[in-house]
């Protein structure tokens, strides 16, 4: 398995590049090969790197829906 150097993980998270790879994964119009590569890069970003894990989770968590019930 390929091992991402931590310096690459730090640089990708600091530049917020993980957002690009998450967007590729979520876009069903992107071909499977490119989505597979995006998943591979994201795996490298989050592997044994808590700041990368946190950054990926923050982007991928759904936002709560606002309701006007009770107003």
PDB file of N, CA and C in Angstrom:
ATOM      1  N   UNK A   1       0.849  -1.183   0.000  1.00  0.00           N
ATOM      2  CA  UNK A   1       0.000   0.000   0.000  1.00  0.00           C
ATOM      3  C   UNK A   1       0.887   1.236   0.000  1.00  0.00           C
ATOM      4  N   UNK A   2       0.435   2.238  -0.674  1.00  0.00           N
ATOM      5  CA  UNK A   2       1.143   3.505  -0.733  1.00  0.00           C
ATOM      6  C   UNK A   2       1.020   4.225   0.599  1.00  0.00           C
ATOM      7  N   UNK A   3       2.098   4.838   1.045  1.00  0.00           N
ATOM      8  CA  UNK A   3       2.095   5.555   2.317  1.00  0.00           C
ATOM      9  C   UNK A   3       2.306   7.043   2.054  1.00  0.00           C
ATOM     10  N   UNK A   4       1.328   7.855   2.434  1.00  0.00           N
ATOM     11  CA  UNK A   4       1.449   9.298   2.289  1.00  0.00           C
ATOM     12  C   UNK A   4       2.379   9.824   3.370  1.00  0.00           C
ATOM     13  N   UNK A   5       3.383  10.608   3.009  1.00  0.00           N
ATOM     14  CA  UNK A   5       4.180  11.268   4.047  1.00  0.00           C
ATOM     15  C   UNK A   5       3.294  12.268   4.799  1.00  0.00           C
ATOM     16  N   UNK A   6       3.537  12.408   6.090  1.00  0.00           N
ATOM     17  CA  UNK A   6       2.712  13.324   6.882  1.00  0.00           C
ATOM     18  C   UNK A   6       2.803  14.748   6.354  1.00  0.00           C
ATOM     19  N   UNK A   7       3.945  15.122   5.789  1.00  0.00           N
ATOM     20  CA  UNK A   7       4.067  16.482   5.248  1.00  0.00           C
ATOM     21  C   UNK A   7       3.060  16.715   4.123  1.00  0.00           C
ATOM     22  N   UNK A   8       2.765  15.680   3.341  1.00  0.00           N
ATOM     23  CA  UNK A   8       1.744  15.803   2.288  1.00  0.00           C
ATOM     24  C   UNK A   8       0.354  15.926   2.897  1.00  0.00           C
ATOM     25  N   UNK A   9       0.101  15.140   3.937  1.00  0.00           N
ATOM     26  CA  UNK A   9      -1.192  15.220   4.614  1.00  0.00           C
ATOM     27  C   UNK A   9      -1.408  16.629   5.157  1.00  0.00           C
ATOM     28  N   UNK A  10      -0.400  17.165   5.821  1.00  0.00           N
ATOM     29  CA  UNK A  10      -0.489  18.507   6.406  1.00  0.00           C
ATOM     30  C   UNK A  10      -0.756  19.536   5.312  1.00  0.00           C
ATOM     31  N   UNK A  11       0.000  19.455   4.233  1.00  0.00           N
ATOM     32  CA  UNK A  11      -0.142  20.425   3.151  1.00  0.00           C
ATOM     33  C   UNK A  11      -1.524  20.352   2.501  1.00  0.00           C
ATOM     34  N   UNK A  12      -2.018  19.138   2.253  1.00  0.00           N
ATOM     35  CA  UNK A  12      -3.329  18.986   1.624  1.00  0.00           C
ATOM     36  C   UNK A  12      -4.449  19.506   2.518  1.00  0.00           C
ATOM     37  N   UNK A  13      -4.363  19.239   3.816  1.00  0.00           N
ATOM     38  CA  UNK A  13      -5.398  19.719   4.738  1.00  0.00           C
ATOM     39  C   UNK A  13      -5.311  21.237   4.892  1.00  0.00           C
ATOM     40  N   UNK A  14      -4.115  21.774   5.053  1.00  0.00           N
ATOM     41  CA  UNK A  14      -3.962  23.224   5.211  1.00  0.00           C
ATOM     42  C   UNK A  14      -4.464  23.985   3.992  1.00  0.00           C
ATOM     43  N   UNK A  15      -4.279  23.401   2.804  1.00  0.00           N
ATOM     44  CA  UNK A  15      -4.742  24.036   1.567  1.00  0.00           C
ATOM     45  C   UNK A  15      -6.207  23.714   1.278  1.00  0.00           C
ATOM     46  N   UNK A  16      -6.827  22.937   2.174  1.00  0.00           N
ATOM     47  CA  UNK A  16      -8.232  22.534   2.050  1.00  0.00           C
ATOM     48  C   UNK A  16      -8.505  21.754   0.762  1.00  0.00           C
ATOM     49  N   UNK A  17      -7.498  21.028   0.287  1.00  0.00           N
ATOM     50  CA  UNK A  17      -7.639  20.235  -0.935  1.00  0.00           C
ATOM     51  C   UNK A  17      -8.525  19.016  -0.735  1.00  0.00           C
ATOM     52  N   UNK A  18      -8.715  18.592   0.509  1.00  0.00           N
ATOM     53  CA  UNK A  18      -9.597  17.454   0.768  1.00  0.00           C
ATOM     54  C   UNK A  18     -11.008  17.736   0.265  1.00  0.00           C
ATOM     55  N   UNK A  19     -11.408  18.999   0.244  1.00  0.00           N
ATOM     56  CA  UNK A  19     -12.745  19.370  -0.232  1.00  0.00           C
ATOM     57  C   UNK A  19     -12.913  19.010  -1.706  1.00  0.00           C
ATOM     58  N   UNK A  20     -11.870  19.209  -2.483  1.00  0.00           N
ATOM     59  CA  UNK A  20     -11.913  18.865  -3.909  1.00  0.00           C
ATOM     60  C   UNK A  20     -12.160  17.373  -4.082  1.00  0.00           C
ATOM     61  N   UNK A  21     -11.426  16.551  -3.348  1.00  0.00           N
ATOM     62  CA  UNK A  21     -11.550  15.107  -3.498  1.00  0.00           C
ATOM     63  C   UNK A  21     -12.898  14.605  -2.987  1.00  0.00           C
ATOM     64  N   UNK A  22     -13.426  15.220  -1.943  1.00  0.00           N
ATOM     65  CA  UNK A  22     -14.768  14.870  -1.472  1.00  0.00           C
ATOM     66  C   UNK A  22     -15.823  15.241  -2.513  1.00  0.00           C
ATOM     67  N   UNK A  23     -15.652  16.380  -3.158  1.00  0.00           N
ATOM     68  CA  UNK A  23     -16.602  16.800  -4.195  1.00  0.00           C
ATOM     69  C   UNK A  23     -16.588  15.825  -5.370  1.00  0.00           C
ATOM     70  N   UNK A  24     -15.413  15.356  -5.745  1.00  0.00           N
ATOM     71  CA  UNK A  24     -15.299  14.372  -6.830  1.00  0.00           C
ATOM     72  C   UNK A  24     -16.063  13.108  -6.462  1.00  0.00           C
ATOM     73  N   UNK A  25     -15.916  12.653  -5.233  1.00  0.00           N
ATOM     74  CA  UNK A  25     -16.612  11.440  -4.794  1.00  0.00           C
ATOM     75  C   UNK A  25     -18.126  11.608  -4.825  1.00  0.00           C
ATOM     76  N   UNK A  26     -18.604  12.784  -4.540  1.00  0.00           N
ATOM     77  CA  UNK A  26     -20.045  13.024  -4.466  1.00  0.00           C
ATOM     78  C   UNK A  26     -20.680  13.292  -5.825  1.00  0.00           C
ATOM     79  N   UNK A  27     -19.878  13.517  -6.842  1.00  0.00           N
ATOM     80  CA  UNK A  27     -20.389  13.852  -8.174  1.00  0.00           C
ATOM     81  C   UNK A  27     -20.551  12.586  -9.009  1.00  0.00           C
ATOM     82  N   UNK A  28     -21.782  12.164  -9.208  1.00  0.00           N
ATOM     83  CA  UNK A  28     -22.035  10.921  -9.944  1.00  0.00           C
ATOM     84  C   UNK A  28     -21.750  11.051 -11.435  1.00  0.00           C
ATOM     85  N   UNK A  29     -21.516  12.274 -11.933  1.00  0.00           N
ATOM     86  CA  UNK A  29     -21.187  12.438 -13.350  1.00  0.00           C
ATOM     87  C   UNK A  29     -19.704  12.207 -13.626  1.00  0.00           C
ATOM     88  N   UNK A  30     -18.896  12.163 -12.588  1.00  0.00           N
ATOM     89  CA  UNK A  30     -17.463  11.895 -12.743  1.00  0.00           C
ATOM     90  C   UNK A  30     -17.285  10.389 -12.927  1.00  0.00           C
ATOM     91  N   UNK A  31     -16.430  10.004 -13.878  1.00  0.00           N
ATOM     92  CA  UNK A  31     -16.270   8.575 -14.146  1.00  0.00           C
ATOM     93  C   UNK A  31     -15.677   7.841 -12.942  1.00  0.00           C
ATOM     94  N   UNK A  32     -15.934   6.559 -12.906  1.00  0.00           N
ATOM     95  CA  UNK A  32     -15.562   5.736 -11.753  1.00  0.00           C
ATOM     96  C   UNK A  32     -14.060   5.723 -11.488  1.00  0.00           C
ATOM     97  N   UNK A  33     -13.262   5.748 -12.525  1.00  0.00           N
ATOM     98  CA  UNK A  33     -11.805   5.719 -12.329  1.00  0.00           C
ATOM     99  C   UNK A  33     -11.339   6.952 -11.560  1.00  0.00           C
ATOM    100  N   UNK A  34     -11.865   8.114 -11.922  1.00  0.00           N
ATOM    101  CA  UNK A  34     -11.473   9.340 -11.224  1.00  0.00           C
ATOM    102  C   UNK A  34     -12.004   9.356  -9.794  1.00  0.00           C
ATOM    103  N   UNK A  35     -13.209   8.841  -9.597  1.00  0.00           N
ATOM    104  CA  UNK A  35     -13.742   8.769  -8.236  1.00  0.00           C
ATOM    105  C   UNK A  35     -12.931   7.795  -7.391  1.00  0.00           C
ATOM    106  N   UNK A  36     -12.462   6.722  -7.998  1.00  0.00           N
ATOM    107  CA  UNK A  36     -11.609   5.772  -7.275  1.00  0.00           C
ATOM    108  C   UNK A  36     -10.302   6.436  -6.859  1.00  0.00           C
ATOM    109  N   UNK A  37      -9.710   7.206  -7.758  1.00  0.00           N
ATOM    110  CA  UNK A  37      -8.471   7.922  -7.424  1.00  0.00           C
ATOM    111  C   UNK A  37      -8.709   8.945  -6.312  1.00  0.00           C
ATOM    112  N   UNK A  38      -9.851   9.619  -6.351  1.00  0.00           N
ATOM    113  CA  UNK A  38     -10.177  10.583  -5.294  1.00  0.00           C
ATOM    114  C   UNK A  38     -10.304   9.872  -3.952  1.00  0.00           C
ATOM    115  N   UNK A  39     -10.921   8.698  -3.954  1.00  0.00           N
ATOM    116  CA  UNK A  39     -11.050   7.924  -2.711  1.00  0.00           C
ATOM    117  C   UNK A  39      -9.679   7.510  -2.195  1.00  0.00           C
ATOM    118  N   UNK A  40      -8.789   7.149  -3.097  1.00  0.00           N
ATOM    119  CA  UNK A  40      -7.433   6.761  -2.715  1.00  0.00           C
ATOM    120  C   UNK A  40      -6.700   7.928  -2.053  1.00  0.00           C
ATOM    121  N   UNK A  41      -6.799   9.101  -2.643  1.00  0.00           N
ATOM    122  CA  UNK A  41      -6.137  10.281  -2.075  1.00  0.00           C
ATOM    123  C   UNK A  41      -6.738  10.623  -0.715  1.00  0.00           C
ATOM    124  N   UNK A  42      -8.058  10.577  -0.604  1.00  0.00           N
ATOM    125  CA  UNK A  42      -8.695  10.852   0.689  1.00  0.00           C
ATOM    126  C   UNK A  42      -8.265   9.852   1.747  1.00  0.00           C
ATOM    127  N   UNK A  43      -8.134   8.595   1.349  1.00  0.00           N
ATOM    128  CA  UNK A  43      -7.661   7.583   2.303  1.00  0.00           C
ATOM    129  C   UNK A  43      -6.278   7.953   2.815  1.00  0.00           C
ATOM    130  N   UNK A  44      -5.442   8.472   1.931  1.00  0.00           N
ATOM    131  CA  UNK A  44      -4.111   8.904   2.343  1.00  0.00           C
ATOM    132  C   UNK A  44      -4.145  10.113   3.259  1.00  0.00           C
ATOM    133  N   UNK A  45      -5.077  11.012   3.016  1.00  0.00           N
ATOM    134  CA  UNK A  45      -5.193  12.220   3.842  1.00  0.00           C
ATOM    135  C   UNK A  45      -5.620  11.877   5.267  1.00  0.00           C
ATOM    136  N   UNK A  46      -6.510  10.911   5.427  1.00  0.00           N
ATOM    137  CA  UNK A  46      -7.056  10.605   6.752  1.00  0.00           C
ATOM    138  C   UNK A  46      -6.307   9.497   7.487  1.00  0.00           C
ATOM    139  N   UNK A  47      -5.448   8.765   6.805  1.00  0.00           N
ATOM    140  CA  UNK A  47      -4.759   7.619   7.402  1.00  0.00           C
ATOM    141  C   UNK A  47      -3.828   8.037   8.541  1.00  0.00           C
ATOM    142  N   UNK A  48      -4.173   7.652   9.753  1.00  0.00           N
ATOM    143  CA  UNK A  48      -3.363   7.954  10.946  1.00  0.00           C
ATOM    144  C   UNK A  48      -3.038   9.439  11.088  1.00  0.00           C
ATOM    145  N   UNK A  49      -3.948  10.287  10.641  1.00  0.00           N
ATOM    146  CA  UNK A  49      -3.744  11.733  10.733  1.00  0.00           C
ATOM    147  C   UNK A  49      -5.050  12.381  11.212  1.00  0.00           C
ATOM    148  N   UNK A  50      -5.214  12.525  12.531  1.00  0.00           N
ATOM    149  CA  UNK A  50      -6.466  13.067  13.082  1.00  0.00           C
ATOM    150  C   UNK A  50      -6.916  14.403  12.482  1.00  0.00           C
ATOM    151  N   UNK A  51      -6.012  15.368  12.206  1.00  0.00           N
ATOM    152  CA  UNK A  51      -6.502  16.607  11.582  1.00  0.00           C
ATOM    153  C   UNK A  51      -7.130  16.362  10.205  1.00  0.00           C
ATOM    154  N   UNK A  52      -6.602  15.402   9.460  1.00  0.00           N
ATOM    155  CA  UNK A  52      -7.193  15.054   8.163  1.00  0.00           C
ATOM    156  C   UNK A  52      -8.547  14.403   8.333  1.00  0.00           C
ATOM    157  N   UNK A  53      -8.662  13.555   9.343  1.00  0.00           N
ATOM    158  CA  UNK A  53      -9.940  12.896   9.628  1.00  0.00           C
ATOM    159  C   UNK A  53     -10.991  13.933  10.008  1.00  0.00           C
ATOM    160  N   UNK A  54     -10.607  14.856  10.873  1.00  0.00           N
ATOM    161  CA  UNK A  54     -11.536  15.901  11.321  1.00  0.00           C
ATOM    162  C   UNK A  54     -11.952  16.795  10.156  1.00  0.00           C
ATOM    163  N   UNK A  55     -11.000  17.160   9.316  1.00  0.00           N
ATOM    164  CA  UNK A  55     -11.311  18.018   8.171  1.00  0.00           C
ATOM    165  C   UNK A  55     -12.290  17.332   7.227  1.00  0.00           C
ATOM    166  N   UNK A  56     -12.084  16.057   6.967  1.00  0.00           N
ATOM    167  CA  UNK A  56     -12.979  15.320   6.073  1.00  0.00           C
ATOM    168  C   UNK A  56     -14.372  15.195   6.679  1.00  0.00           C
ATOM    169  N   UNK A  57     -14.443  14.967   7.976  1.00  0.00           N
ATOM    170  CA  UNK A  57     -15.744  14.847   8.634  1.00  0.00           C
ATOM    171  C   UNK A  57     -16.502  16.170   8.637  1.00  0.00           C
ATOM    172  N   UNK A  58     -15.808  17.263   8.833  1.00  0.00           N
ATOM    173  CA  UNK A  58     -16.467  18.571   8.871  1.00  0.00           C
ATOM    174  C   UNK A  58     -17.118  18.893   7.538  1.00  0.00           C
ATOM    175  N   UNK A  59     -16.466  18.520   6.462  1.00  0.00           N
ATOM    176  CA  UNK A  59     -17.000  18.805   5.132  1.00  0.00           C
ATOM    177  C   UNK A  59     -18.153  17.881   4.801  1.00  0.00           C
ATOM    178  N   UNK A  60     -18.065  16.621   5.232  1.00  0.00           N
ATOM    179  CA  UNK A  60     -19.047  15.633   4.798  1.00  0.00           C
ATOM    180  C   UNK A  60     -20.268  15.523   5.694  1.00  0.00           C
ATOM    181  N   UNK A  61     -20.254  16.149   6.861  1.00  0.00           N
ATOM    182  CA  UNK A  61     -21.412  16.070   7.749  1.00  0.00           C
ATOM    183  C   UNK A  61     -22.563  16.877   7.168  1.00  0.00           C
ATOM    184  N   UNK A  62     -23.756  16.276   7.135  1.00  0.00           N
ATOM    185  CA  UNK A  62     -24.903  17.039   6.639  1.00  0.00           C
ATOM    186  C   UNK A  62     -25.256  18.177   7.595  1.00  0.00           C
ATOM    187  N   UNK A  63     -25.705  19.246   7.039  1.00  0.00           N
ATOM    188  CA  UNK A  63     -26.113  20.388   7.861  1.00  0.00           C
ATOM    189  C   UNK A  63     -27.533  20.139   8.370  1.00  0.00           C
ATOM    190  N   UNK A  64     -27.791  20.503   9.620  1.00  0.00           N
ATOM    191  CA  UNK A  64     -29.152  20.310  10.135  1.00  0.00           C
ATOM    192  C   UNK A  64     -30.143  21.195   9.387  1.00  0.00           C
ATOM    193  N   UNK A  65     -31.345  20.669   9.215  1.00  0.00           N
ATOM    194  CA  UNK A  65     -32.392  21.434   8.535  1.00  0.00           C
ATOM    195  C   UNK A  65     -33.042  22.392   9.518  1.00  0.00           C
ATOM    196  N   UNK A  66     -33.282  23.581   9.075  1.00  0.00           N
ATOM    197  CA  UNK A  66     -34.001  24.554   9.900  1.00  0.00           C
ATOM    198  C   UNK A  66     -35.492  24.344   9.703  1.00  0.00           C
ATOM    199  N   UNK A  67     -36.195  24.430  10.771  1.00  0.00           N
ATOM    200  CA  UNK A  67     -37.652  24.340  10.677  1.00  0.00           C
ATOM    201  C   UNK A  67     -38.262  25.582  11.288  1.00  0.00           C
ATOM    202  N   UNK A  68     -39.462  25.855  10.864  1.00  0.00           N
ATOM    203  CA  UNK A  68     -40.175  27.002  11.424  1.00  0.00           C
ATOM    204  C   UNK A  68     -41.291  26.529  12.340  1.00  0.00           C
ATOM    205  N   UNK A  69     -41.275  25.255  12.687  1.00  0.00           N
ATOM    206  CA  UNK A  69     -42.313  24.709  13.561  1.00  0.00           C
ATOM    207  C   UNK A  69     -42.258  25.393  14.922  1.00  0.00           C
ATOM    208  N   UNK A  70     -43.403  25.669  15.448  1.00  0.00           N
ATOM    209  CA  UNK A  70     -43.476  26.258  16.772  1.00  0.00           C
ATOM    210  C   UNK A  70     -43.346  27.763  16.796  1.00  0.00           C
ATOM    211  N   UNK A  71     -43.295  28.380  15.644  1.00  0.00           N
ATOM    212  CA  UNK A  71     -43.202  29.845  15.615  1.00  0.00           C
ATOM    213  C   UNK A  71     -44.552  30.460  15.523  1.00  0.00           C
TER     214      UNK A  71
END
